Amino acid sequence: MKEYFSFDKRLGIFIPELSSDWEDYSKETQEAILYHWEKIRGAIPDRIVELESEINKKQAQLDNETDFPRSCRLNSEIAELASIINDLWLWYRANQTISGKVHQ
């Protein structure tokens, strides 16, 4: 499946990376890709929980931070983690339609 997915360091998951149109793949390959994606997709909520935990830790640090530049860095890190969570939810939701094809 490595040829159909690539690891996204920012998101911390493998994402689909198809080099051809979906219809160009055999039914067996399509099913294998969808099965693999469902396993990845199923882990996205766990990845989000990890990131939310990191946000909570950084927010706790921010509550006690008196150094303005450090506060700015923490805010920036929190914003980036929130952006990653948003992108993960987009991947999770956007591909529900595609994932439904595996059951047809």
PDB file of N, CA and C in Angstrom:
ATOM      1  N   MET A   1       0.803  -1.202   0.000  1.00  0.00           N
ATOM      2  CA  MET A   1       0.000   0.000   0.000  1.00  0.00           C
ATOM      3  C   MET A   1       0.850   1.272   0.000  1.00  0.00           C
ATOM      4  N   LYS A   2       2.144   1.117   0.151  1.00  0.00           N
ATOM      5  CA  LYS A   2       3.017   2.294   0.182  1.00  0.00           C
ATOM      6  C   LYS A   2       2.905   3.131  -1.085  1.00  0.00           C
ATOM      7  N   GLU A   3       2.600   2.490  -2.209  1.00  0.00           N
ATOM      8  CA  GLU A   3       2.524   3.253  -3.451  1.00  0.00           C
ATOM      9  C   GLU A   3       1.252   4.097  -3.548  1.00  0.00           C
ATOM     10  N   TYR A   4       0.285   3.847  -2.660  1.00  0.00           N
ATOM     11  CA  TYR A   4      -0.980   4.580  -2.701  1.00  0.00           C
ATOM     12  C   TYR A   4      -1.149   5.573  -1.549  1.00  0.00           C
ATOM     13  N   PHE A   5      -0.209   5.561  -0.602  1.00  0.00           N
ATOM     14  CA  PHE A   5      -0.293   6.432   0.568  1.00  0.00           C
ATOM     15  C   PHE A   5       1.074   7.018   0.864  1.00  0.00           C
ATOM     16  N   SER A   6       1.072   8.225   1.417  1.00  0.00           N
ATOM     17  CA  SER A   6       2.328   8.830   1.855  1.00  0.00           C
ATOM     18  C   SER A   6       2.120   9.384   3.267  1.00  0.00           C
ATOM     19  N   PHE A   7       3.183   9.351   4.045  1.00  0.00           N
ATOM     20  CA  PHE A   7       3.089   9.815   5.421  1.00  0.00           C
ATOM     21  C   PHE A   7       3.175  11.326   5.452  1.00  0.00           C
ATOM     22  N   ASP A   8       2.206  11.954   6.090  1.00  0.00           N
ATOM     23  CA  ASP A   8       2.192  13.395   6.263  1.00  0.00           C
ATOM     24  C   ASP A   8       2.713  13.689   7.670  1.00  0.00           C
ATOM     25  N   LYS A   9       3.917  14.233   7.743  1.00  0.00           N
ATOM     26  CA  LYS A   9       4.545  14.489   9.043  1.00  0.00           C
ATOM     27  C   LYS A   9       3.708  15.433   9.884  1.00  0.00           C
ATOM     28  N   ARG A  10       3.167  16.450   9.269  1.00  0.00           N
ATOM     29  CA  ARG A  10       2.389  17.440   9.999  1.00  0.00           C
ATOM     30  C   ARG A  10       1.157  16.811  10.644  1.00  0.00           C
ATOM     31  N   LEU A  11       0.433  15.998   9.884  1.00  0.00           N
ATOM     32  CA  LEU A  11      -0.778  15.381  10.399  1.00  0.00           C
ATOM     33  C   LEU A  11      -0.490  14.149  11.255  1.00  0.00           C
ATOM     34  N   GLY A  12       0.623  13.502  10.997  1.00  0.00           N
ATOM     35  CA  GLY A  12       0.978  12.306  11.746  1.00  0.00           C
ATOM     36  C   GLY A  12       0.250  11.057  11.294  1.00  0.00           C
ATOM     37  N   ILE A  13      -0.248  11.080  10.053  1.00  0.00           N
ATOM     38  CA  ILE A  13      -0.951   9.922   9.494  1.00  0.00           C
ATOM     39  C   ILE A  13      -0.542   9.740   8.031  1.00  0.00           C
ATOM     40  N   PHE A  14      -0.871   8.570   7.501  1.00  0.00           N
ATOM     41  CA  PHE A  14      -0.716   8.339   6.071  1.00  0.00           C
ATOM     42  C   PHE A  14      -1.963   8.885   5.375  1.00  0.00           C
ATOM     43  N   ILE A  15      -1.749   9.531   4.237  1.00  0.00           N
ATOM     44  CA  ILE A  15      -2.875  10.056   3.469  1.00  0.00           C
ATOM     45  C   ILE A  15      -2.802   9.482   2.053  1.00  0.00           C
ATOM     46  N   PRO A  16      -3.963   9.371   1.396  1.00  0.00           N
ATOM     47  CA  PRO A  16      -3.969   8.832   0.035  1.00  0.00           C
ATOM     48  C   PRO A  16      -3.157   9.706  -0.917  1.00  0.00           C
ATOM     49  N   GLU A  17      -2.427   9.061  -1.774  1.00  0.00           N
ATOM     50  CA  GLU A  17      -1.666   9.749  -2.813  1.00  0.00           C
ATOM     51  C   GLU A  17      -1.739   8.891  -4.071  1.00  0.00           C
ATOM     52  N   LEU A  18      -2.809   9.094  -4.806  1.00  0.00           N
ATOM     53  CA  LEU A  18      -3.060   8.271  -5.983  1.00  0.00           C
ATOM     54  C   LEU A  18      -2.493   8.944  -7.220  1.00  0.00           C
ATOM     55  N   SER A  19      -1.803   8.151  -8.022  1.00  0.00           N
ATOM     56  CA  SER A  19      -1.156   8.693  -9.210  1.00  0.00           C
ATOM     57  C   SER A  19      -2.039   8.602 -10.453  1.00  0.00           C
ATOM     58  N   SER A  20      -3.146   7.881 -10.335  1.00  0.00           N
ATOM     59  CA  SER A  20      -4.066   7.728 -11.462  1.00  0.00           C
ATOM     60  C   SER A  20      -5.477   8.057 -11.017  1.00  0.00           C
ATOM     61  N   ASP A  21      -6.369   8.182 -11.993  1.00  0.00           N
ATOM     62  CA  ASP A  21      -7.775   8.371 -11.681  1.00  0.00           C
ATOM     63  C   ASP A  21      -8.304   7.105 -11.010  1.00  0.00           C
ATOM     64  N   TRP A  22      -9.255   7.284 -10.097  1.00  0.00           N
ATOM     65  CA  TRP A  22      -9.797   6.169  -9.329  1.00  0.00           C
ATOM     66  C   TRP A  22     -10.300   5.035 -10.242  1.00  0.00           C
ATOM     67  N   GLU A  23     -10.960   5.401 -11.324  1.00  0.00           N
ATOM     68  CA  GLU A  23     -11.533   4.409 -12.240  1.00  0.00           C
ATOM     69  C   GLU A  23     -10.464   3.577 -12.956  1.00  0.00           C
ATOM     70  N   ASP A  24      -9.228   4.077 -12.984  1.00  0.00           N
ATOM     71  CA  ASP A  24      -8.156   3.359 -13.659  1.00  0.00           C
ATOM     72  C   ASP A  24      -7.626   2.182 -12.848  1.00  0.00           C
ATOM     73  N   TYR A  25      -7.965   2.133 -11.556  1.00  0.00           N
ATOM     74  CA  TYR A  25      -7.508   1.027 -10.713  1.00  0.00           C
ATOM     75  C   TYR A  25      -8.491  -0.133 -10.810  1.00  0.00           C
ATOM     76  N   SER A  26      -7.971  -1.331 -10.695  1.00  0.00           N
ATOM     77  CA  SER A  26      -8.835  -2.511 -10.722  1.00  0.00           C
ATOM     78  C   SER A  26      -9.731  -2.507  -9.484  1.00  0.00           C
ATOM     79  N   LYS A  27     -10.816  -3.249  -9.564  1.00  0.00           N
ATOM     80  CA  LYS A  27     -11.744  -3.326  -8.430  1.00  0.00           C
ATOM     81  C   LYS A  27     -11.020  -3.866  -7.192  1.00  0.00           C
ATOM     82  N   GLU A  28     -10.143  -4.832  -7.379  1.00  0.00           N
ATOM     83  CA  GLU A  28      -9.407  -5.410  -6.258  1.00  0.00           C
ATOM     84  C   GLU A  28      -8.485  -4.369  -5.609  1.00  0.00           C
ATOM     85  N   THR A  29      -7.823  -3.575  -6.444  1.00  0.00           N
ATOM     86  CA  THR A  29      -6.933  -2.526  -5.926  1.00  0.00           C
ATOM     87  C   THR A  29      -7.749  -1.462  -5.210  1.00  0.00           C
ATOM     88  N   GLN A  30      -8.875  -1.073  -5.796  1.00  0.00           N
ATOM     89  CA  GLN A  30      -9.750  -0.094  -5.150  1.00  0.00           C
ATOM     90  C   GLN A  30     -10.177  -0.586  -3.768  1.00  0.00           C
ATOM     91  N   GLU A  31     -10.573  -1.841  -3.683  1.00  0.00           N
ATOM     92  CA  GLU A  31     -11.011  -2.403  -2.403  1.00  0.00           C
ATOM     93  C   GLU A  31      -9.869  -2.430  -1.401  1.00  0.00           C
ATOM     94  N   ALA A  32      -8.677  -2.758  -1.850  1.00  0.00           N
ATOM     95  CA  ALA A  32      -7.517  -2.792  -0.952  1.00  0.00           C
ATOM     96  C   ALA A  32      -7.179  -1.387  -0.446  1.00  0.00           C
ATOM     97  N   ILE A  33      -7.245  -0.416  -1.349  1.00  0.00           N
ATOM     98  CA  ILE A  33      -6.976   0.975  -0.962  1.00  0.00           C
ATOM     99  C   ILE A  33      -8.021   1.441   0.044  1.00  0.00           C
ATOM    100  N   LEU A  34      -9.290   1.180  -0.235  1.00  0.00           N
ATOM    101  CA  LEU A  34     -10.356   1.600   0.669  1.00  0.00           C
ATOM    102  C   LEU A  34     -10.251   0.911   2.026  1.00  0.00           C
ATOM    103  N   TYR A  35      -9.888  -0.361   2.031  1.00  0.00           N
ATOM    104  CA  TYR A  35      -9.723  -1.083   3.292  1.00  0.00           C
ATOM    105  C   TYR A  35      -8.587  -0.464   4.114  1.00  0.00           C
ATOM    106  N   HIS A  36      -7.485  -0.191   3.449  1.00  0.00           N
ATOM    107  CA  HIS A  36      -6.339   0.429   4.134  1.00  0.00           C
ATOM    108  C   HIS A  36      -6.718   1.819   4.645  1.00  0.00           C
ATOM    109  N   TRP A  37      -7.426   2.580   3.832  1.00  0.00           N
ATOM    110  CA  TRP A  37      -7.846   3.912   4.255  1.00  0.00           C
ATOM    111  C   TRP A  37      -8.770   3.843   5.474  1.00  0.00           C
ATOM    112  N   GLU A  38      -9.676   2.880   5.496  1.00  0.00           N
ATOM    113  CA  GLU A  38     -10.581   2.742   6.637  1.00  0.00           C
ATOM    114  C   GLU A  38      -9.803   2.498   7.930  1.00  0.00           C
ATOM    115  N   LYS A  39      -8.722   1.728   7.860  1.00  0.00           N
ATOM    116  CA  LYS A  39      -7.896   1.506   9.050  1.00  0.00           C
ATOM    117  C   LYS A  39      -7.238   2.805   9.487  1.00  0.00           C
ATOM    118  N   ILE A  40      -6.727   3.577   8.530  1.00  0.00           N
ATOM    119  CA  ILE A  40      -6.101   4.872   8.848  1.00  0.00           C
ATOM    120  C   ILE A  40      -7.155   5.824   9.391  1.00  0.00           C
ATOM    121  N   ARG A  41      -8.268   5.926   8.700  1.00  0.00           N
ATOM    122  CA  ARG A  41      -9.350   6.830   9.079  1.00  0.00           C
ATOM    123  C   ARG A  41      -9.854   6.525  10.477  1.00  0.00           C
ATOM    124  N   GLY A  42      -9.911   5.248  10.824  1.00  0.00           N
ATOM    125  CA  GLY A  42     -10.370   4.848  12.149  1.00  0.00           C
ATOM    126  C   GLY A  42      -9.453   5.326  13.260  1.00  0.00           C
ATOM    127  N   ALA A  43      -8.189   5.585  12.935  1.00  0.00           N
ATOM    128  CA  ALA A  43      -7.219   6.040  13.936  1.00  0.00           C
ATOM    129  C   ALA A  43      -7.180   7.568  14.069  1.00  0.00           C
ATOM    130  N   ILE A  44      -7.842   8.279  13.167  1.00  0.00           N
ATOM    131  CA  ILE A  44      -7.793   9.745  13.201  1.00  0.00           C
ATOM    132  C   ILE A  44      -8.340  10.309  14.516  1.00  0.00           C
ATOM    133  N   PRO A  45      -9.482   9.826  15.036  1.00  0.00           N
ATOM    134  CA  PRO A  45      -9.947  10.376  16.319  1.00  0.00           C
ATOM    135  C   PRO A  45      -8.929  10.198  17.455  1.00  0.00           C
ATOM    136  N   ASP A  46      -8.209   9.089  17.464  1.00  0.00           N
ATOM    137  CA  ASP A  46      -7.169   8.886  18.483  1.00  0.00           C
ATOM    138  C   ASP A  46      -6.042   9.893  18.317  1.00  0.00           C
ATOM    139  N   ARG A  47      -5.676  10.180  17.082  1.00  0.00           N
ATOM    140  CA  ARG A  47      -4.636  11.179  16.813  1.00  0.00           C
ATOM    141  C   ARG A  47      -5.110  12.548  17.296  1.00  0.00           C
ATOM    142  N   ILE A  48      -6.371  12.858  17.089  1.00  0.00           N
ATOM    143  CA  ILE A  48      -6.923  14.135  17.536  1.00  0.00           C
ATOM    144  C   ILE A  48      -6.878  14.236  19.058  1.00  0.00           C
ATOM    145  N   VAL A  49      -7.192  13.158  19.742  1.00  0.00           N
ATOM    146  CA  VAL A  49      -7.128  13.150  21.204  1.00  0.00           C
ATOM    147  C   VAL A  49      -5.705  13.437  21.677  1.00  0.00           C
ATOM    148  N   GLU A  50      -4.710  12.856  21.000  1.00  0.00           N
ATOM    149  CA  GLU A  50      -3.302  13.126  21.342  1.00  0.00           C
ATOM    150  C   GLU A  50      -2.988  14.611  21.214  1.00  0.00           C
ATOM    151  N   LEU A  51      -3.410  15.196  20.112  1.00  0.00           N
ATOM    152  CA  LEU A  51      -3.143  16.611  19.866  1.00  0.00           C
ATOM    153  C   LEU A  51      -3.887  17.510  20.857  1.00  0.00           C
ATOM    154  N   GLU A  52      -5.111  17.137  21.195  1.00  0.00           N
ATOM    155  CA  GLU A  52      -5.861  17.911  22.188  1.00  0.00           C
ATOM    156  C   GLU A  52      -5.161  17.877  23.541  1.00  0.00           C
ATOM    157  N   SER A  53      -4.567  16.744  23.854  1.00  0.00           N
ATOM    158  CA  SER A  53      -3.812  16.630  25.107  1.00  0.00           C
ATOM    159  C   SER A  53      -2.611  17.573  25.102  1.00  0.00           C
ATOM    160  N   GLU A  54      -1.922  17.643  23.960  1.00  0.00           N
ATOM    161  CA  GLU A  54      -0.794  18.572  23.823  1.00  0.00           C
ATOM    162  C   GLU A  54      -1.258  20.024  23.982  1.00  0.00           C
ATOM    163  N   ILE A  55      -2.408  20.339  23.393  1.00  0.00           N
ATOM    164  CA  ILE A  55      -2.957  21.689  23.519  1.00  0.00           C
ATOM    165  C   ILE A  55      -3.236  22.003  24.985  1.00  0.00           C
ATOM    166  N   ASN A  56      -3.844  21.064  25.687  1.00  0.00           N
ATOM    167  CA  ASN A  56      -4.167  21.281  27.094  1.00  0.00           C
ATOM    168  C   ASN A  56      -2.907  21.535  27.920  1.00  0.00           C
ATOM    169  N   LYS A  57      -1.836  20.800  27.632  1.00  0.00           N
ATOM    170  CA  LYS A  57      -0.569  21.002  28.343  1.00  0.00           C
ATOM    171  C   LYS A  57      -0.010  22.397  28.063  1.00  0.00           C
ATOM    172  N   LYS A  58      -0.056  22.782  26.803  1.00  0.00           N
ATOM    173  CA  LYS A  58       0.462  24.103  26.432  1.00  0.00           C
ATOM    174  C   LYS A  58      -0.397  25.223  27.022  1.00  0.00           C
ATOM    175  N   GLN A  59      -1.702  25.013  27.080  1.00  0.00           N
ATOM    176  CA  GLN A  59      -2.573  26.017  27.689  1.00  0.00           C
ATOM    177  C   GLN A  59      -2.286  26.145  29.189  1.00  0.00           C
ATOM    178  N   ALA A  60      -1.999  25.018  29.835  1.00  0.00           N
ATOM    179  CA  ALA A  60      -1.644  25.061  31.258  1.00  0.00           C
ATOM    180  C   ALA A  60      -0.339  25.831  31.456  1.00  0.00           C
ATOM    181  N   GLN A  61       0.620  25.621  30.545  1.00  0.00           N
ATOM    182  CA  GLN A  61       1.877  26.371  30.614  1.00  0.00           C
ATOM    183  C   GLN A  61       1.617  27.862  30.394  1.00  0.00           C
ATOM    184  N   LEU A  62       0.731  28.142  29.456  1.00  0.00           N
ATOM    185  CA  LEU A  62       0.406  29.526  29.129  1.00  0.00           C
ATOM    186  C   LEU A  62      -0.247  30.246  30.312  1.00  0.00           C
ATOM    187  N   ASP A  63      -1.048  29.530  31.077  1.00  0.00           N
ATOM    188  CA  ASP A  63      -1.720  30.130  32.241  1.00  0.00           C
ATOM    189  C   ASP A  63      -0.725  30.689  33.256  1.00  0.00           C
ATOM    190  N   ASN A  64       0.446  30.058  33.334  1.00  0.00           N
ATOM    191  CA  ASN A  64       1.439  30.459  34.334  1.00  0.00           C
ATOM    192  C   ASN A  64       2.626  31.211  33.736  1.00  0.00           C
ATOM    193  N   GLU A  65       2.553  31.500  32.443  1.00  0.00           N
ATOM    194  CA  GLU A  65       3.700  32.117  31.760  1.00  0.00           C
ATOM    195  C   GLU A  65       3.669  33.638  31.946  1.00  0.00           C
ATOM    196  N   THR A  66       4.814  34.176  32.382  1.00  0.00           N
ATOM    197  CA  THR A  66       4.929  35.630  32.553  1.00  0.00           C
ATOM    198  C   THR A  66       5.822  36.262  31.489  1.00  0.00           C
ATOM    199  N   ASP A  67       6.564  35.439  30.771  1.00  0.00           N
ATOM    200  CA  ASP A  67       7.457  35.925  29.715  1.00  0.00           C
ATOM    201  C   ASP A  67       6.647  36.100  28.426  1.00  0.00           C
ATOM    202  N   PHE A  68       6.510  37.342  27.973  1.00  0.00           N
ATOM    203  CA  PHE A  68       5.672  37.634  26.806  1.00  0.00           C
ATOM    204  C   PHE A  68       6.115  36.877  25.546  1.00  0.00           C
ATOM    205  N   PRO A  69       7.399  36.886  25.179  1.00  0.00           N
ATOM    206  CA  PRO A  69       7.804  36.140  23.981  1.00  0.00           C
ATOM    207  C   PRO A  69       7.476  34.642  24.089  1.00  0.00           C
ATOM    208  N   ARG A  70       7.660  34.087  25.266  1.00  0.00           N
ATOM    209  CA  ARG A  70       7.317  32.662  25.471  1.00  0.00           C
ATOM    210  C   ARG A  70       5.811  32.463  25.334  1.00  0.00           C
ATOM    211  N   SER A  71       5.020  33.384  25.835  1.00  0.00           N
ATOM    212  CA  SER A  71       3.564  33.306  25.694  1.00  0.00           C
ATOM    213  C   SER A  71       3.161  33.323  24.217  1.00  0.00           C
ATOM    214  N   CYS A  72       3.818  34.159  23.458  1.00  0.00           N
ATOM    215  CA  CYS A  72       3.544  34.233  22.016  1.00  0.00           C
ATOM    216  C   CYS A  72       3.872  32.916  21.331  1.00  0.00           C
ATOM    217  N   ARG A  73       5.001  32.313  21.687  1.00  0.00           N
ATOM    218  CA  ARG A  73       5.379  31.016  21.099  1.00  0.00           C
ATOM    219  C   ARG A  73       4.347  29.939  21.452  1.00  0.00           C
ATOM    220  N   LEU A  74       3.942  29.909  22.720  1.00  0.00           N
ATOM    221  CA  LEU A  74       2.946  28.916  23.132  1.00  0.00           C
ATOM    222  C   LEU A  74       1.632  29.117  22.381  1.00  0.00           C
ATOM    223  N   ASN A  75       1.204  30.360  22.244  1.00  0.00           N
ATOM    224  CA  ASN A  75      -0.016  30.649  21.478  1.00  0.00           C
ATOM    225  C   ASN A  75       0.106  30.178  20.037  1.00  0.00           C
ATOM    226  N   SER A  76       1.253  30.413  19.458  1.00  0.00           N
ATOM    227  CA  SER A  76       1.490  29.979  18.079  1.00  0.00           C
ATOM    228  C   SER A  76       1.462  28.446  17.972  1.00  0.00           C
ATOM    229  N   GLU A  77       2.081  27.768  18.914  1.00  0.00           N
ATOM    230  CA  GLU A  77       2.093  26.302  18.925  1.00  0.00           C
ATOM    231  C   GLU A  77       0.675  25.754  19.100  1.00  0.00           C
ATOM    232  N   ILE A  78      -0.097  26.378  19.978  1.00  0.00           N
ATOM    233  CA  ILE A  78      -1.485  25.958  20.191  1.00  0.00           C
ATOM    234  C   ILE A  78      -2.292  26.152  18.901  1.00  0.00           C
ATOM    235  N   ALA A  79      -2.097  27.271  18.240  1.00  0.00           N
ATOM    236  CA  ALA A  79      -2.808  27.539  16.985  1.00  0.00           C
ATOM    237  C   ALA A  79      -2.447  26.510  15.916  1.00  0.00           C
ATOM    238  N   GLU A  80      -1.172  26.143  15.844  1.00  0.00           N
ATOM    239  CA  GLU A  80      -0.750  25.140  14.857  1.00  0.00           C
ATOM    240  C   GLU A  80      -1.375  23.782  15.165  1.00  0.00           C
ATOM    241  N   LEU A  81      -1.392  23.394  16.428  1.00  0.00           N
ATOM    242  CA  LEU A  81      -2.017  22.120  16.804  1.00  0.00           C
ATOM    243  C   LEU A  81      -3.510  22.130  16.483  1.00  0.00           C
ATOM    244  N   ALA A  82      -4.174  23.253  16.740  1.00  0.00           N
ATOM    245  CA  ALA A  82      -5.596  23.373  16.414  1.00  0.00           C
ATOM    246  C   ALA A  82      -5.815  23.270  14.902  1.00  0.00           C
ATOM    247  N   SER A  83      -4.906  23.837  14.129  1.00  0.00           N
ATOM    248  CA  SER A  83      -4.992  23.757  12.671  1.00  0.00           C
ATOM    249  C   SER A  83      -4.838  22.306  12.196  1.00  0.00           C
ATOM    250  N   ILE A  84      -3.936  21.585  12.820  1.00  0.00           N
ATOM    251  CA  ILE A  84      -3.743  20.169  12.469  1.00  0.00           C
ATOM    252  C   ILE A  84      -5.013  19.385  12.777  1.00  0.00           C
ATOM    253  N   ILE A  85      -5.597  19.647  13.946  1.00  0.00           N
ATOM    254  CA  ILE A  85      -6.841  18.961  14.310  1.00  0.00           C
ATOM    255  C   ILE A  85      -7.923  19.257  13.278  1.00  0.00           C
ATOM    256  N   ASN A  86      -8.046  20.499  12.867  1.00  0.00           N
ATOM    257  CA  ASN A  86      -9.031  20.863  11.849  1.00  0.00           C
ATOM    258  C   ASN A  86      -8.790  20.087  10.558  1.00  0.00           C
ATOM    259  N   ASP A  87      -7.552  20.018  10.129  1.00  0.00           N
ATOM    260  CA  ASP A  87      -7.230  19.289   8.897  1.00  0.00           C
ATOM    261  C   ASP A  87      -7.533  17.795   9.031  1.00  0.00           C
ATOM    262  N   LEU A  88      -7.252  17.242  10.202  1.00  0.00           N
ATOM    263  CA  LEU A  88      -7.558  15.826  10.424  1.00  0.00           C
ATOM    264  C   LEU A  88      -9.060  15.573  10.347  1.00  0.00           C
ATOM    265  N   TRP A  89      -9.850  16.460  10.934  1.00  0.00           N
ATOM    266  CA  TRP A  89     -11.300  16.306  10.841  1.00  0.00           C
ATOM    267  C   TRP A  89     -11.760  16.411   9.393  1.00  0.00           C
ATOM    268  N   LEU A  90     -11.147  17.292   8.626  1.00  0.00           N
ATOM    269  CA  LEU A  90     -11.506  17.400   7.205  1.00  0.00           C
ATOM    270  C   LEU A  90     -11.231  16.091   6.476  1.00  0.00           C
ATOM    271  N   TRP A  91     -10.075  15.500   6.709  1.00  0.00           N
ATOM    272  CA  TRP A  91      -9.758  14.206   6.104  1.00  0.00           C
ATOM    273  C   TRP A  91     -10.753  13.149   6.557  1.00  0.00           C
ATOM    274  N   TYR A  92     -11.067  13.151   7.831  1.00  0.00           N
ATOM    275  CA  TYR A  92     -11.973  12.148   8.385  1.00  0.00           C
ATOM    276  C   TYR A  92     -13.360  12.261   7.758  1.00  0.00           C
ATOM    277  N   ARG A  93     -13.875  13.467   7.663  1.00  0.00           N
ATOM    278  CA  ARG A  93     -15.236  13.681   7.154  1.00  0.00           C
ATOM    279  C   ARG A  93     -15.312  13.644   5.633  1.00  0.00           C
ATOM    280  N   ALA A  94     -14.342  14.233   4.976  1.00  0.00           N
ATOM    281  CA  ALA A  94     -14.388  14.325   3.514  1.00  0.00           C
ATOM    282  C   ALA A  94     -14.358  12.959   2.868  1.00  0.00           C
ATOM    283  N   ASN A  95     -13.763  12.026   3.526  1.00  0.00           N
ATOM    284  CA  ASN A  95     -13.610  10.706   2.920  1.00  0.00           C
ATOM    285  C   ASN A  95     -14.646   9.706   3.394  1.00  0.00           C
ATOM    286  N   GLN A  96     -15.667  10.146   4.133  1.00  0.00           N
ATOM    287  CA  GLN A  96     -16.741   9.242   4.522  1.00  0.00           C
ATOM    288  C   GLN A  96     -17.471   8.739   3.283  1.00  0.00           C
ATOM    289  N   THR A  97     -17.655   9.622   2.311  1.00  0.00           N
ATOM    290  CA  THR A  97     -18.329   9.235   1.076  1.00  0.00           C
ATOM    291  C   THR A  97     -17.535   8.176   0.352  1.00  0.00           C
ATOM    292  N   ILE A  98     -16.251   8.398   0.238  1.00  0.00           N
ATOM    293  CA  ILE A  98     -15.385   7.425  -0.433  1.00  0.00           C
ATOM    294  C   ILE A  98     -15.382   6.115   0.339  1.00  0.00           C
ATOM    295  N   SER A  99     -15.289   6.211   1.669  1.00  0.00           N
ATOM    296  CA  SER A  99     -15.246   5.017   2.483  1.00  0.00           C
ATOM    297  C   SER A  99     -16.520   4.199   2.358  1.00  0.00           C
ATOM    298  N   GLY A 100     -17.630   4.864   2.090  1.00  0.00           N
ATOM    299  CA  GLY A 100     -18.884   4.155   1.918  1.00  0.00           C
ATOM    300  C   GLY A 100     -18.869   3.210   0.728  1.00  0.00           C
ATOM    301  N   LYS A 101     -18.036   3.483  -0.260  1.00  0.00           N
ATOM    302  CA  LYS A 101     -17.938   2.650  -1.448  1.00  0.00           C
ATOM    303  C   LYS A 101     -17.451   1.239  -1.117  1.00  0.00           C
ATOM    304  N   VAL A 102     -16.695   1.094  -0.044  1.00  0.00           N
ATOM    305  CA  VAL A 102     -16.160  -0.201   0.316  1.00  0.00           C
ATOM    306  C   VAL A 102     -17.287  -1.166   0.687  1.00  0.00           C
ATOM    307  N   HIS A 103     -18.432  -0.631   1.109  1.00  0.00           N
ATOM    308  CA  HIS A 103     -19.541  -1.469   1.547  1.00  0.00           C
ATOM    309  C   HIS A 103     -20.578  -1.704   0.453  1.00  0.00           C
ATOM    310  N   GLN A 104     -20.353  -1.172  -0.729  1.00  0.00           N
ATOM    311  CA  GLN A 104     -21.319  -1.344  -1.820  1.00  0.00           C
ATOM    312  C   GLN A 104     -21.047  -2.616  -2.583  1.00  0.00           C
TER     313      GLN A 104
END
